[in-house]
Amino acid sequence: MPKELVEDLKHHIGEDKKFVSLADAVRSACRKLLDQLDEIDRRQGR
């Protein structure tokens, strides 16, 4: 993973922030992307 991306994510990780760990942030992003792709597939009749 590019260092710049990791550094950006670190601003959202920790106590009282959106994610508890880098793994949590990556997992959440992947799930959201997959949900979006599923929605696109549904709209396209796939």
Protein backbone atom coordinates (compact mmCIF):
# COMPACT_ATOMS: atom_id res chain seq x y z
CA MET A 1 0.00 0.00 0.00
CA PRO A 2 1.41 3.42 -0.87
CA LYS A 3 2.85 5.30 2.09
CA GLU A 4 0.73 8.36 1.28
CA LEU A 5 -2.45 6.32 1.58
CA VAL A 6 -1.38 4.82 4.89
CA GLU A 7 -0.56 8.29 6.24
CA ASP A 8 -3.95 9.63 5.15
CA LEU A 9 -5.74 6.71 6.78
CA LYS A 10 -3.88 7.20 10.06
CA HIS A 11 -5.75 10.50 10.50
CA HIS A 12 -8.96 8.46 10.87
CA ILE A 13 -7.62 5.67 13.10
CA GLY A 14 -7.54 5.62 16.87
CA GLU A 15 -9.58 6.38 19.93
CA ASP A 16 -12.64 8.53 19.20
CA LYS A 17 -12.08 8.27 15.45
CA LYS A 18 -13.86 6.34 12.73
CA PHE A 19 -11.64 3.22 12.64
CA VAL A 20 -9.87 1.26 15.37
CA SER A 21 -7.00 0.01 13.20
CA LEU A 22 -5.55 0.16 9.71
CA ALA A 23 -6.97 -3.32 9.03
CA ASP A 24 -10.42 -2.09 10.10
CA ALA A 25 -10.17 0.89 7.72
CA VAL A 26 -9.08 -1.28 4.77
CA ARG A 27 -11.76 -3.90 5.50
CA SER A 28 -14.48 -1.23 5.70
CA ALA A 29 -13.35 0.40 2.47
CA CYS A 30 -13.31 -2.93 0.64
CA ARG A 31 -16.78 -3.82 1.88
CA LYS A 32 -18.14 -0.43 0.81
CA LEU A 33 -16.57 -0.75 -2.64
CA LEU A 34 -17.95 -4.26 -3.10
CA ASP A 35 -21.43 -3.05 -2.07
CA GLN A 36 -21.19 -0.28 -4.66
CA LEU A 37 -20.09 -2.74 -7.34
CA ASP A 38 -22.98 -5.06 -6.42
CA GLU A 39 -25.41 -2.15 -6.80
CA ILE A 40 -23.97 -1.29 -10.23
CA ASP A 41 -24.34 -4.94 -11.26
CA ARG A 42 -27.97 -4.97 -10.09
CA ARG A 43 -28.75 -1.82 -12.07
CA GLN A 44 -27.12 -3.35 -15.15
CA GLY A 45 -29.11 -6.58 -14.76
CA ARG A 46 -26.07 -8.70 -13.99
